[in-house]
Amino acid sequence: MKADLSVKILLLVIAVSLSVIALRPFVGPPPVAAGSGVVGEFYVEPGVSMLRAPDRTQQVLGKVVIDLRNGNIWGFPTLSQDPYPAPGATSGPPTSHGFLLGRFAFSDMDK
C-alpha cells in the first residue's frame, strides 16, 4: 500500500510539472526584440561615387558605406564605374580596402 501511494504522488508531481511547462508560453510569452539582430547595421549607397579622402591624398571612384552603429562613413575604391572592385594584375578576385571618409554624429539627433 505504501508503494502505491508513493507512485501516485510521483505521478502527480510529474503531471503538475508538465502542466507548468505546457502553460508557461501562454502565461508569460518570451519577449521579442525587433531590430536587435545583426541585419541592417550597414547602409551601402547605391551606385558609384567619387571618393575623396579627408586629407586629400586620394581621389578614386568607389562605393560609400555608412556604419549605422557609430556613423562612420567608409569609402571602398572600385577604380571604375562598376559597383565592385575592378580586377587587377592578379588572377584571384580583387579586394577593396576601405578608408574613412567622415562621420555622421547620430548622437546629436537626440538633443
PDB file of N, CA and C in Angstrom:
ATOM      1  N   MET A   1       0.815  -1.182   0.000  1.00  0.00           N
ATOM      2  CA  MET A   1       0.000   0.000   0.000  1.00  0.00           C
ATOM      3  C   MET A   1       0.866   1.256   0.000  1.00  0.00           C
ATOM      4  N   LYS A   2       2.030   1.186   0.664  1.00  0.00           N
ATOM      5  CA  LYS A   2       2.923   2.331   0.751  1.00  0.00           C
ATOM      6  C   LYS A   2       3.512   2.655  -0.619  1.00  0.00           C
ATOM      7  N   ALA A   3       3.844   1.627  -1.417  1.00  0.00           N
ATOM      8  CA  ALA A   3       4.396   1.841  -2.751  1.00  0.00           C
ATOM      9  C   ALA A   3       3.348   2.468  -3.668  1.00  0.00           C
ATOM     10  N   ASP A   4       2.082   2.092  -3.511  1.00  0.00           N
ATOM     11  CA  ASP A   4       1.014   2.635  -4.336  1.00  0.00           C
ATOM     12  C   ASP A   4       0.842   4.134  -4.087  1.00  0.00           C
ATOM     13  N   LEU A   5       0.932   4.583  -2.858  1.00  0.00           N
ATOM     14  CA  LEU A   5       0.810   5.999  -2.517  1.00  0.00           C
ATOM     15  C   LEU A   5       1.996   6.800  -3.075  1.00  0.00           C
ATOM     16  N   SER A   6       3.193   6.255  -2.981  1.00  0.00           N
ATOM     17  CA  SER A   6       4.367   6.965  -3.490  1.00  0.00           C
ATOM     18  C   SER A   6       4.328   7.077  -5.017  1.00  0.00           C
ATOM     19  N   VAL A   7       3.801   6.057  -5.699  1.00  0.00           N
ATOM     20  CA  VAL A   7       3.678   6.109  -7.153  1.00  0.00           C
ATOM     21  C   VAL A   7       2.668   7.171  -7.555  1.00  0.00           C
ATOM     22  N   LYS A   8       1.555   7.268  -6.837  1.00  0.00           N
ATOM     23  CA  LYS A   8       0.542   8.271  -7.133  1.00  0.00           C
ATOM     24  C   LYS A   8       1.081   9.688  -6.888  1.00  0.00           C
ATOM     25  N   ILE A   9       1.848   9.888  -5.833  1.00  0.00           N
ATOM     26  CA  ILE A   9       2.445  11.204  -5.552  1.00  0.00           C
ATOM     27  C   ILE A   9       3.454  11.562  -6.636  1.00  0.00           C
ATOM     28  N   LEU A  10       4.264  10.592  -7.041  1.00  0.00           N
ATOM     29  CA  LEU A  10       5.242  10.838  -8.101  1.00  0.00           C
ATOM     30  C   LEU A  10       4.551  11.177  -9.425  1.00  0.00           C
ATOM     31  N   LEU A  11       3.475  10.472  -9.761  1.00  0.00           N
ATOM     32  CA  LEU A  11       2.730  10.780 -10.979  1.00  0.00           C
ATOM     33  C   LEU A  11       2.072  12.155 -10.890  1.00  0.00           C
ATOM     34  N   LEU A  12       1.604  12.539  -9.721  1.00  0.00           N
ATOM     35  CA  LEU A  12       1.018  13.866  -9.528  1.00  0.00           C
ATOM     36  C   LEU A  12       2.067  14.958  -9.725  1.00  0.00           C
ATOM     37  N   VAL A  13       3.258  14.756  -9.195  1.00  0.00           N
ATOM     38  CA  VAL A  13       4.350  15.728  -9.364  1.00  0.00           C
ATOM     39  C   VAL A  13       4.721  15.844 -10.845  1.00  0.00           C
ATOM     40  N   ILE A  14       4.769  14.732 -11.548  1.00  0.00           N
ATOM     41  CA  ILE A  14       5.096  14.750 -12.975  1.00  0.00           C
ATOM     42  C   ILE A  14       4.007  15.481 -13.758  1.00  0.00           C
ATOM     43  N   ALA A  15       2.739  15.211 -13.448  1.00  0.00           N
ATOM     44  CA  ALA A  15       1.632  15.859 -14.157  1.00  0.00           C
ATOM     45  C   ALA A  15       1.631  17.368 -13.918  1.00  0.00           C
ATOM     46  N   VAL A  16       1.862  17.796 -12.684  1.00  0.00           N
ATOM     47  CA  VAL A  16       1.902  19.230 -12.376  1.00  0.00           C
ATOM     48  C   VAL A  16       3.084  19.889 -13.079  1.00  0.00           C
ATOM     49  N   SER A  17       4.229  19.248 -13.086  1.00  0.00           N
ATOM     50  CA  SER A  17       5.419  19.811 -13.747  1.00  0.00           C
ATOM     51  C   SER A  17       5.189  19.961 -15.256  1.00  0.00           C
ATOM     52  N   LEU A  18       4.592  18.954 -15.869  1.00  0.00           N
ATOM     53  CA  LEU A  18       4.310  19.044 -17.297  1.00  0.00           C
ATOM     54  C   LEU A  18       3.280  20.129 -17.597  1.00  0.00           C
ATOM     55  N   SER A  19       2.315  20.300 -16.723  1.00  0.00           N
ATOM     56  CA  SER A  19       1.324  21.367 -16.917  1.00  0.00           C
ATOM     57  C   SER A  19       1.975  22.735 -16.839  1.00  0.00           C
ATOM     58  N   VAL A  20       2.897  22.918 -15.903  1.00  0.00           N
ATOM     59  CA  VAL A  20       3.604  24.201 -15.778  1.00  0.00           C
ATOM     60  C   VAL A  20       4.425  24.475 -17.032  1.00  0.00           C
ATOM     61  N   ILE A  21       5.110  23.471 -17.530  1.00  0.00           N
ATOM     62  CA  ILE A  21       5.923  23.634 -18.740  1.00  0.00           C
ATOM     63  C   ILE A  21       5.037  23.950 -19.942  1.00  0.00           C
ATOM     64  N   ALA A  22       3.881  23.283 -20.044  1.00  0.00           N
ATOM     65  CA  ALA A  22       2.996  23.486 -21.188  1.00  0.00           C
ATOM     66  C   ALA A  22       2.305  24.844 -21.143  1.00  0.00           C
ATOM     67  N   LEU A  23       1.993  25.360 -19.969  1.00  0.00           N
ATOM     68  CA  LEU A  23       1.258  26.618 -19.853  1.00  0.00           C
ATOM     69  C   LEU A  23       2.157  27.853 -19.782  1.00  0.00           C
ATOM     70  N   ARG A  24       3.444  27.684 -19.588  1.00  0.00           N
ATOM     71  CA  ARG A  24       4.360  28.820 -19.461  1.00  0.00           C
ATOM     72  C   ARG A  24       4.336  29.762 -20.668  1.00  0.00           C
ATOM     73  N   PRO A  25       4.333  29.279 -21.929  1.00  0.00           N
ATOM     74  CA  PRO A  25       4.283  30.221 -23.059  1.00  0.00           C
ATOM     75  C   PRO A  25       2.999  31.035 -23.122  1.00  0.00           C
ATOM     76  N   PHE A  26       1.897  30.490 -22.603  1.00  0.00           N
ATOM     77  CA  PHE A  26       0.632  31.222 -22.638  1.00  0.00           C
ATOM     78  C   PHE A  26       0.531  32.251 -21.519  1.00  0.00           C
ATOM     79  N   VAL A  27       1.109  31.955 -20.378  1.00  0.00           N
ATOM     80  CA  VAL A  27       1.043  32.873 -19.228  1.00  0.00           C
ATOM     81  C   VAL A  27       2.005  34.039 -19.413  1.00  0.00           C
ATOM     82  N   GLY A  28       3.230  33.764 -19.776  1.00  0.00           N
ATOM     83  CA  GLY A  28       4.237  34.815 -19.962  1.00  0.00           C
ATOM     84  C   GLY A  28       5.089  34.511 -21.169  1.00  0.00           C
ATOM     85  N   PRO A  29       4.629  34.916 -22.373  1.00  0.00           N
ATOM     86  CA  PRO A  29       5.426  34.598 -23.561  1.00  0.00           C
ATOM     87  C   PRO A  29       6.792  35.287 -23.516  1.00  0.00           C
ATOM     88  N   PRO A  30       7.789  34.701 -24.155  1.00  0.00           N
ATOM     89  CA  PRO A  30       9.120  35.302 -24.147  1.00  0.00           C
ATOM     90  C   PRO A  30       9.118  36.642 -24.881  1.00  0.00           C
ATOM     91  N   PRO A  31       9.897  37.606 -24.412  1.00  0.00           N
ATOM     92  CA  PRO A  31       9.935  38.918 -25.075  1.00  0.00           C
ATOM     93  C   PRO A  31      10.584  38.823 -26.455  1.00  0.00           C
ATOM     94  N   VAL A  32      10.091  39.656 -27.340  1.00  0.00           N
ATOM     95  CA  VAL A  32      10.615  39.714 -28.705  1.00  0.00           C
ATOM     96  C   VAL A  32      11.188  41.108 -28.918  1.00  0.00           C
ATOM     97  N   ALA A  33      12.403  41.181 -29.446  1.00  0.00           N
ATOM     98  CA  ALA A  33      13.057  42.463 -29.690  1.00  0.00           C
ATOM     99  C   ALA A  33      13.243  42.647 -31.193  1.00  0.00           C
ATOM    100  N   ALA A  34      12.466  43.517 -31.784  1.00  0.00           N
ATOM    101  CA  ALA A  34      12.585  43.784 -33.211  1.00  0.00           C
ATOM    102  C   ALA A  34      13.821  44.625 -33.483  1.00  0.00           C
ATOM    103  N   GLY A  35      14.535  44.289 -34.506  1.00  0.00           N
ATOM    104  CA  GLY A  35      15.701  45.073 -34.898  1.00  0.00           C
ATOM    105  C   GLY A  35      16.915  44.856 -34.025  1.00  0.00           C
ATOM    106  N   SER A  36      16.940  43.806 -33.236  1.00  0.00           N
ATOM    107  CA  SER A  36      18.091  43.588 -32.374  1.00  0.00           C
ATOM    108  C   SER A  36      19.139  42.704 -33.022  1.00  0.00           C
ATOM    109  N   GLY A  37      18.879  42.231 -34.233  1.00  0.00           N
ATOM    110  CA  GLY A  37      19.820  41.351 -34.908  1.00  0.00           C
ATOM    111  C   GLY A  37      20.947  42.101 -35.590  1.00  0.00           C
ATOM    112  N   VAL A  38      21.775  41.361 -36.299  1.00  0.00           N
ATOM    113  CA  VAL A  38      22.926  41.926 -36.979  1.00  0.00           C
ATOM    114  C   VAL A  38      22.542  42.570 -38.303  1.00  0.00           C
ATOM    115  N   VAL A  39      21.401  42.184 -38.846  1.00  0.00           N
ATOM    116  CA  VAL A  39      20.982  42.662 -40.153  1.00  0.00           C
ATOM    117  C   VAL A  39      20.746  44.169 -40.135  1.00  0.00           C
ATOM    118  N   GLY A  40      21.237  44.870 -41.137  1.00  0.00           N
ATOM    119  CA  GLY A  40      20.968  46.289 -41.280  1.00  0.00           C
ATOM    120  C   GLY A  40      21.897  47.210 -40.533  1.00  0.00           C
ATOM    121  N   GLU A  41      23.077  46.772 -40.162  1.00  0.00           N
ATOM    122  CA  GLU A  41      23.999  47.643 -39.452  1.00  0.00           C
ATOM    123  C   GLU A  41      24.827  48.500 -40.402  1.00  0.00           C
ATOM    124  N   PHE A  42      24.766  48.202 -41.692  1.00  0.00           N
ATOM    125  CA  PHE A  42      25.496  48.976 -42.692  1.00  0.00           C
ATOM    126  C   PHE A  42      24.531  49.418 -43.779  1.00  0.00           C
ATOM    127  N   TYR A  43      24.751  50.619 -44.281  1.00  0.00           N
ATOM    128  CA  TYR A  43      23.985  51.096 -45.424  1.00  0.00           C
ATOM    129  C   TYR A  43      24.973  51.287 -46.564  1.00  0.00           C
ATOM    130  N   VAL A  44      24.715  50.627 -47.683  1.00  0.00           N
ATOM    131  CA  VAL A  44      25.575  50.747 -48.862  1.00  0.00           C
ATOM    132  C   VAL A  44      24.871  51.671 -49.844  1.00  0.00           C
ATOM    133  N   GLU A  45      25.482  52.788 -50.129  1.00  0.00           N
ATOM    134  CA  GLU A  45      24.922  53.777 -51.048  1.00  0.00           C
ATOM    135  C   GLU A  45      24.854  53.163 -52.446  1.00  0.00           C
ATOM    136  N   PRO A  46      23.704  53.272 -53.108  1.00  0.00           N
ATOM    137  CA  PRO A  46      23.626  52.717 -54.469  1.00  0.00           C
ATOM    138  C   PRO A  46      24.497  53.515 -55.444  1.00  0.00           C
ATOM    139  N   GLY A  47      24.974  52.833 -56.443  1.00  0.00           N
ATOM    140  CA  GLY A  47      25.810  53.498 -57.445  1.00  0.00           C
ATOM    141  C   GLY A  47      27.258  53.643 -56.994  1.00  0.00           C
ATOM    142  N   VAL A  48      28.001  54.363 -57.803  1.00  0.00           N
ATOM    143  CA  VAL A  48      29.425  54.610 -57.546  1.00  0.00           C
ATOM    144  C   VAL A  48      29.622  56.113 -57.422  1.00  0.00           C
ATOM    145  N   SER A  49      30.441  56.532 -56.477  1.00  0.00           N
ATOM    146  CA  SER A  49      30.691  57.957 -56.242  1.00  0.00           C
ATOM    147  C   SER A  49      32.185  58.242 -56.312  1.00  0.00           C
ATOM    148  N   MET A  50      32.498  59.520 -56.475  1.00  0.00           N
ATOM    149  CA  MET A  50      33.895  59.935 -56.399  1.00  0.00           C
ATOM    150  C   MET A  50      34.253  60.053 -54.924  1.00  0.00           C
ATOM    151  N   LEU A  51      35.220  59.275 -54.494  1.00  0.00           N
ATOM    152  CA  LEU A  51      35.640  59.260 -53.095  1.00  0.00           C
ATOM    153  C   LEU A  51      36.848  60.169 -52.924  1.00  0.00           C
ATOM    154  N   ARG A  52      36.753  61.085 -51.999  1.00  0.00           N
ATOM    155  CA  ARG A  52      37.870  61.989 -51.713  1.00  0.00           C
ATOM    156  C   ARG A  52      38.260  61.818 -50.260  1.00  0.00           C
ATOM    157  N   ALA A  53      39.489  61.445 -50.013  1.00  0.00           N
ATOM    158  CA  ALA A  53      39.968  61.278 -48.648  1.00  0.00           C
ATOM    159  C   ALA A  53      40.006  62.635 -47.949  1.00  0.00           C
ATOM    160  N   PRO A  54      39.698  62.694 -46.649  1.00  0.00           N
ATOM    161  CA  PRO A  54      39.704  63.969 -45.931  1.00  0.00           C
ATOM    162  C   PRO A  54      41.060  64.675 -45.957  1.00  0.00           C
ATOM    163  N   ASP A  55      42.133  63.915 -46.022  1.00  0.00           N
ATOM    164  CA  ASP A  55      43.469  64.535 -46.062  1.00  0.00           C
ATOM    165  C   ASP A  55      43.911  64.846 -47.496  1.00  0.00           C
ATOM    166  N   ARG A  56      43.010  64.656 -48.459  1.00  0.00           N
ATOM    167  CA  ARG A  56      43.233  64.957 -49.872  1.00  0.00           C
ATOM    168  C   ARG A  56      44.379  64.153 -50.500  1.00  0.00           C
ATOM    169  N   THR A  57      44.643  62.964 -49.964  1.00  0.00           N
ATOM    170  CA  THR A  57      45.722  62.140 -50.521  1.00  0.00           C
ATOM    171  C   THR A  57      45.245  61.253 -51.654  1.00  0.00           C
ATOM    172  N   GLN A  58      43.936  60.987 -51.716  1.00  0.00           N
ATOM    173  CA  GLN A  58      43.445  60.145 -52.798  1.00  0.00           C
ATOM    174  C   GLN A  58      42.054  60.580 -53.242  1.00  0.00           C
ATOM    175  N   GLN A  59      41.792  60.329 -54.510  1.00  0.00           N
ATOM    176  CA  GLN A  59      40.509  60.635 -55.123  1.00  0.00           C
ATOM    177  C   GLN A  59      40.261  59.537 -56.146  1.00  0.00           C
ATOM    178  N   VAL A  60      39.317  58.638 -55.823  1.00  0.00           N
ATOM    179  CA  VAL A  60      39.043  57.482 -56.677  1.00  0.00           C
ATOM    180  C   VAL A  60      37.541  57.231 -56.734  1.00  0.00           C
ATOM    181  N   LEU A  61      37.133  56.458 -57.730  1.00  0.00           N
ATOM    182  CA  LEU A  61      35.754  56.015 -57.812  1.00  0.00           C
ATOM    183  C   LEU A  61      35.548  54.848 -56.861  1.00  0.00           C
ATOM    184  N   GLY A  62      34.365  54.801 -56.229  1.00  0.00           N
ATOM    185  CA  GLY A  62      34.108  53.685 -55.331  1.00  0.00           C
ATOM    186  C   GLY A  62      32.732  53.730 -54.693  1.00  0.00           C
ATOM    187  N   LYS A  63      32.504  52.807 -53.789  1.00  0.00           N
ATOM    188  CA  LYS A  63      31.241  52.676 -53.076  1.00  0.00           C
ATOM    189  C   LYS A  63      31.339  53.368 -51.719  1.00  0.00           C
ATOM    190  N   VAL A  64      30.216  53.974 -51.303  1.00  0.00           N
ATOM    191  CA  VAL A  64      30.132  54.609 -49.996  1.00  0.00           C
ATOM    192  C   VAL A  64      29.320  53.699 -49.080  1.00  0.00           C
ATOM    193  N   VAL A  65      29.876  53.383 -47.900  1.00  0.00           N
ATOM    194  CA  VAL A  65      29.213  52.529 -46.921  1.00  0.00           C
ATOM    195  C   VAL A  65      29.149  53.284 -45.605  1.00  0.00           C
ATOM    196  N   ILE A  66      27.944  53.316 -44.997  1.00  0.00           N
ATOM    197  CA  ILE A  66      27.758  54.011 -43.716  1.00  0.00           C
ATOM    198  C   ILE A  66      27.517  52.963 -42.641  1.00  0.00           C
ATOM    199  N   ASP A  67      28.331  53.019 -41.594  1.00  0.00           N
ATOM    200  CA  ASP A  67      28.167  52.142 -40.440  1.00  0.00           C
ATOM    201  C   ASP A  67      27.115  52.777 -39.536  1.00  0.00           C
ATOM    202  N   LEU A  68      25.909  52.196 -39.486  1.00  0.00           N
ATOM    203  CA  LEU A  68      24.802  52.782 -38.741  1.00  0.00           C
ATOM    204  C   LEU A  68      24.973  52.658 -37.229  1.00  0.00           C
ATOM    205  N   ARG A  69      25.928  51.859 -36.776  1.00  0.00           N
ATOM    206  CA  ARG A  69      26.151  51.730 -35.335  1.00  0.00           C
ATOM    207  C   ARG A  69      26.847  52.951 -34.767  1.00  0.00           C
ATOM    208  N   ASN A  70      27.782  53.543 -35.535  1.00  0.00           N
ATOM    209  CA  ASN A  70      28.558  54.660 -34.990  1.00  0.00           C
ATOM    210  C   ASN A  70      28.608  55.871 -35.917  1.00  0.00           C
ATOM    211  N   GLY A  71      28.049  55.792 -37.120  1.00  0.00           N
ATOM    212  CA  GLY A  71      28.003  56.931 -38.027  1.00  0.00           C
ATOM    213  C   GLY A  71      29.233  57.098 -38.898  1.00  0.00           C
ATOM    214  N   ASN A  72      30.183  56.188 -38.838  1.00  0.00           N
ATOM    215  CA  ASN A  72      31.372  56.295 -39.684  1.00  0.00           C
ATOM    216  C   ASN A  72      31.007  56.059 -41.143  1.00  0.00           C
ATOM    217  N   ILE A  73      31.601  56.860 -42.017  1.00  0.00           N
ATOM    218  CA  ILE A  73      31.381  56.753 -43.454  1.00  0.00           C
ATOM    219  C   ILE A  73      32.666  56.233 -44.083  1.00  0.00           C
ATOM    220  N   TRP A  74      32.557  55.120 -44.765  1.00  0.00           N
ATOM    221  CA  TRP A  74      33.720  54.483 -45.371  1.00  0.00           C
ATOM    222  C   TRP A  74      33.608  54.522 -46.883  1.00  0.00           C
ATOM    223  N   GLY A  75      34.746  54.637 -47.537  1.00  0.00           N
ATOM    224  CA  GLY A  75      34.816  54.570 -48.988  1.00  0.00           C
ATOM    225  C   GLY A  75      35.607  53.344 -49.398  1.00  0.00           C
ATOM    226  N   PHE A  76      35.036  52.555 -50.311  1.00  0.00           N
ATOM    227  CA  PHE A  76      35.706  51.364 -50.822  1.00  0.00           C
ATOM    228  C   PHE A  76      35.965  51.560 -52.311  1.00  0.00           C
ATOM    229  N   PRO A  77      37.232  51.759 -52.705  1.00  0.00           N
ATOM    230  CA  PRO A  77      37.549  52.015 -54.109  1.00  0.00           C
ATOM    231  C   PRO A  77      37.183  50.841 -55.015  1.00  0.00           C
ATOM    232  N   THR A  78      36.563  51.180 -56.156  1.00  0.00           N
ATOM    233  CA  THR A  78      36.296  50.183 -57.193  1.00  0.00           C
ATOM    234  C   THR A  78      37.152  50.461 -58.427  1.00  0.00           C
ATOM    235  N   LEU A  79      37.675  51.676 -58.534  1.00  0.00           N
ATOM    236  CA  LEU A  79      38.564  52.117 -59.609  1.00  0.00           C
ATOM    237  C   LEU A  79      37.876  52.164 -60.976  1.00  0.00           C
ATOM    238  N   SER A  80      36.558  51.962 -61.006  1.00  0.00           N
ATOM    239  CA  SER A  80      35.807  52.044 -62.262  1.00  0.00           C
ATOM    240  C   SER A  80      34.345  52.341 -61.930  1.00  0.00           C
ATOM    241  N   GLN A  81      33.514  52.449 -62.967  1.00  0.00           N
ATOM    242  CA  GLN A  81      32.087  52.678 -62.770  1.00  0.00           C
ATOM    243  C   GLN A  81      31.362  51.419 -62.309  1.00  0.00           C
ATOM    244  N   ASP A  82      32.033  50.292 -62.304  1.00  0.00           N
ATOM    245  CA  ASP A  82      31.424  49.041 -61.835  1.00  0.00           C
ATOM    246  C   ASP A  82      31.200  49.119 -60.326  1.00  0.00           C
ATOM    247  N   PRO A  83      30.128  48.486 -59.827  1.00  0.00           N
ATOM    248  CA  PRO A  83      29.850  48.536 -58.385  1.00  0.00           C
ATOM    249  C   PRO A  83      30.675  47.542 -57.567  1.00  0.00           C
ATOM    250  N   TYR A  84      31.670  46.956 -58.167  1.00  0.00           N
ATOM    251  CA  TYR A  84      32.537  46.004 -57.482  1.00  0.00           C
ATOM    252  C   TYR A  84      33.982  46.328 -57.862  1.00  0.00           C
ATOM    253  N   PRO A  85      34.967  45.854 -57.083  1.00  0.00           N
ATOM    254  CA  PRO A  85      36.368  46.177 -57.388  1.00  0.00           C
ATOM    255  C   PRO A  85      36.794  45.667 -58.763  1.00  0.00           C
ATOM    256  N   ALA A  86      37.512  46.499 -59.472  1.00  0.00           N
ATOM    257  CA  ALA A  86      37.993  46.134 -60.805  1.00  0.00           C
ATOM    258  C   ALA A  86      39.131  45.123 -60.676  1.00  0.00           C
ATOM    259  N   PRO A  87      39.143  44.122 -61.565  1.00  0.00           N
ATOM    260  CA  PRO A  87      40.222  43.140 -61.490  1.00  0.00           C
ATOM    261  C   PRO A  87      41.568  43.770 -61.838  1.00  0.00           C
ATOM    262  N   GLY A  88      42.563  43.372 -61.086  1.00  0.00           N
ATOM    263  CA  GLY A  88      43.910  43.907 -61.300  1.00  0.00           C
ATOM    264  C   GLY A  88      44.781  42.919 -62.049  1.00  0.00           C
ATOM    265  N   ALA A  89      46.061  42.969 -61.770  1.00  0.00           N
ATOM    266  CA  ALA A  89      47.017  42.102 -62.454  1.00  0.00           C
ATOM    267  C   ALA A  89      47.022  40.688 -61.875  1.00  0.00           C
ATOM    268  N   THR A  90      46.477  40.513 -60.668  1.00  0.00           N
ATOM    269  CA  THR A  90      46.483  39.182 -60.062  1.00  0.00           C
ATOM    270  C   THR A  90      45.340  38.343 -60.642  1.00  0.00           C
ATOM    271  N   SER A  91      45.478  37.029 -60.534  1.00  0.00           N
ATOM    272  CA  SER A  91      44.468  36.133 -61.094  1.00  0.00           C
ATOM    273  C   SER A  91      43.308  35.896 -60.128  1.00  0.00           C
ATOM    274  N   GLY A  92      43.472  36.209 -58.859  1.00  0.00           N
ATOM    275  CA  GLY A  92      42.413  35.995 -57.875  1.00  0.00           C
ATOM    276  C   GLY A  92      41.414  37.142 -57.857  1.00  0.00           C
ATOM    277  N   PRO A  93      40.341  36.989 -57.092  1.00  0.00           N
ATOM    278  CA  PRO A  93      39.356  38.064 -57.006  1.00  0.00           C
ATOM    279  C   PRO A  93      39.938  39.276 -56.275  1.00  0.00           C
ATOM    280  N   PRO A  94      39.660  40.475 -56.760  1.00  0.00           N
ATOM    281  CA  PRO A  94      40.216  41.673 -56.129  1.00  0.00           C
ATOM    282  C   PRO A  94      39.514  41.990 -54.813  1.00  0.00           C
ATOM    283  N   THR A  95      40.236  42.598 -53.906  1.00  0.00           N
ATOM    284  CA  THR A  95      39.704  43.018 -52.616  1.00  0.00           C
ATOM    285  C   THR A  95      39.881  44.515 -52.475  1.00  0.00           C
ATOM    286  N   SER A  96      38.810  45.199 -52.130  1.00  0.00           N
ATOM    287  CA  SER A  96      38.864  46.643 -51.940  1.00  0.00           C
ATOM    288  C   SER A  96      38.982  46.939 -50.454  1.00  0.00           C
ATOM    289  N   HIS A  97      39.987  47.681 -50.071  1.00  0.00           N
ATOM    290  CA  HIS A  97      40.195  48.058 -48.675  1.00  0.00           C
ATOM    291  C   HIS A  97      39.694  49.486 -48.486  1.00  0.00           C
ATOM    292  N   GLY A  98      38.754  49.638 -47.557  1.00  0.00           N
ATOM    293  CA  GLY A  98      38.118  50.931 -47.352  1.00  0.00           C
ATOM    294  C   GLY A  98      38.978  51.915 -46.571  1.00  0.00           C
ATOM    295  N   PHE A  99      38.623  53.197 -46.726  1.00  0.00           N
ATOM    296  CA  PHE A  99      39.261  54.249 -45.927  1.00  0.00           C
ATOM    297  C   PHE A  99      38.163  55.163 -45.390  1.00  0.00           C
ATOM    298  N   LEU A 100      38.426  55.745 -44.250  1.00  0.00           N
ATOM    299  CA  LEU A 100      37.438  56.560 -43.555  1.00  0.00           C
ATOM    300  C   LEU A 100      37.259  57.894 -44.267  1.00  0.00           C
ATOM    301  N   LEU A 101      36.006  58.199 -44.629  1.00  0.00           N
ATOM    302  CA  LEU A 101      35.697  59.458 -45.314  1.00  0.00           C
ATOM    303  C   LEU A 101      35.226  60.528 -44.330  1.00  0.00           C
ATOM    304  N   GLY A 102      34.523  60.121 -43.298  1.00  0.00           N
ATOM    305  CA  GLY A 102      33.975  61.084 -42.343  1.00  0.00           C
ATOM    306  C   GLY A 102      33.087  60.372 -41.346  1.00  0.00           C
ATOM    307  N   ARG A 103      32.247  61.158 -40.671  1.00  0.00           N
ATOM    308  CA  ARG A 103      31.393  60.592 -39.643  1.00  0.00           C
ATOM    309  C   ARG A 103      30.115  61.409 -39.535  1.00  0.00           C
ATOM    310  N   PHE A 104      28.983  60.720 -39.404  1.00  0.00           N
ATOM    311  CA  PHE A 104      27.720  61.362 -39.072  1.00  0.00           C
ATOM    312  C   PHE A 104      27.557  61.302 -37.563  1.00  0.00           C
ATOM    313  N   ALA A 105      27.219  62.407 -36.926  1.00  0.00           N
ATOM    314  CA  ALA A 105      27.017  62.436 -35.485  1.00  0.00           C
ATOM    315  C   ALA A 105      25.567  62.098 -35.184  1.00  0.00           C
ATOM    316  N   PHE A 106      25.249  60.813 -35.224  1.00  0.00           N
ATOM    317  CA  PHE A 106      23.881  60.370 -34.957  1.00  0.00           C
ATOM    318  C   PHE A 106      23.442  60.704 -33.534  1.00  0.00           C
ATOM    319  N   SER A 107      24.381  60.800 -32.618  1.00  0.00           N
ATOM    320  CA  SER A 107      24.036  61.101 -31.233  1.00  0.00           C
ATOM    321  C   SER A 107      23.467  62.511 -31.077  1.00  0.00           C
ATOM    322  N   ASP A 108      23.780  63.428 -32.005  1.00  0.00           N
ATOM    323  CA  ASP A 108      23.242  64.793 -31.926  1.00  0.00           C
ATOM    324  C   ASP A 108      21.754  64.838 -32.233  1.00  0.00           C
ATOM    325  N   MET A 109      21.213  63.797 -32.854  1.00  0.00           N
ATOM    326  CA  MET A 109      19.805  63.803 -33.207  1.00  0.00           C
ATOM    327  C   MET A 109      18.901  63.646 -31.991  1.00  0.00           C
ATOM    328  N   ASP A 110      19.438  63.176 -30.860  1.00  0.00           N
ATOM    329  CA  ASP A 110      18.656  63.004 -29.645  1.00  0.00           C
ATOM    330  C   ASP A 110      18.486  64.289 -28.859  1.00  0.00           C
ATOM    331  N   LYS A 111      19.189  65.341 -29.253  1.00  0.00           N
ATOM    332  CA  LYS A 111      19.148  66.591 -28.488  1.00  0.00           C
ATOM    333  C   LYS A 111      17.902  67.374 -28.768  1.00  0.00           C
TER     334      LYS A 111
END
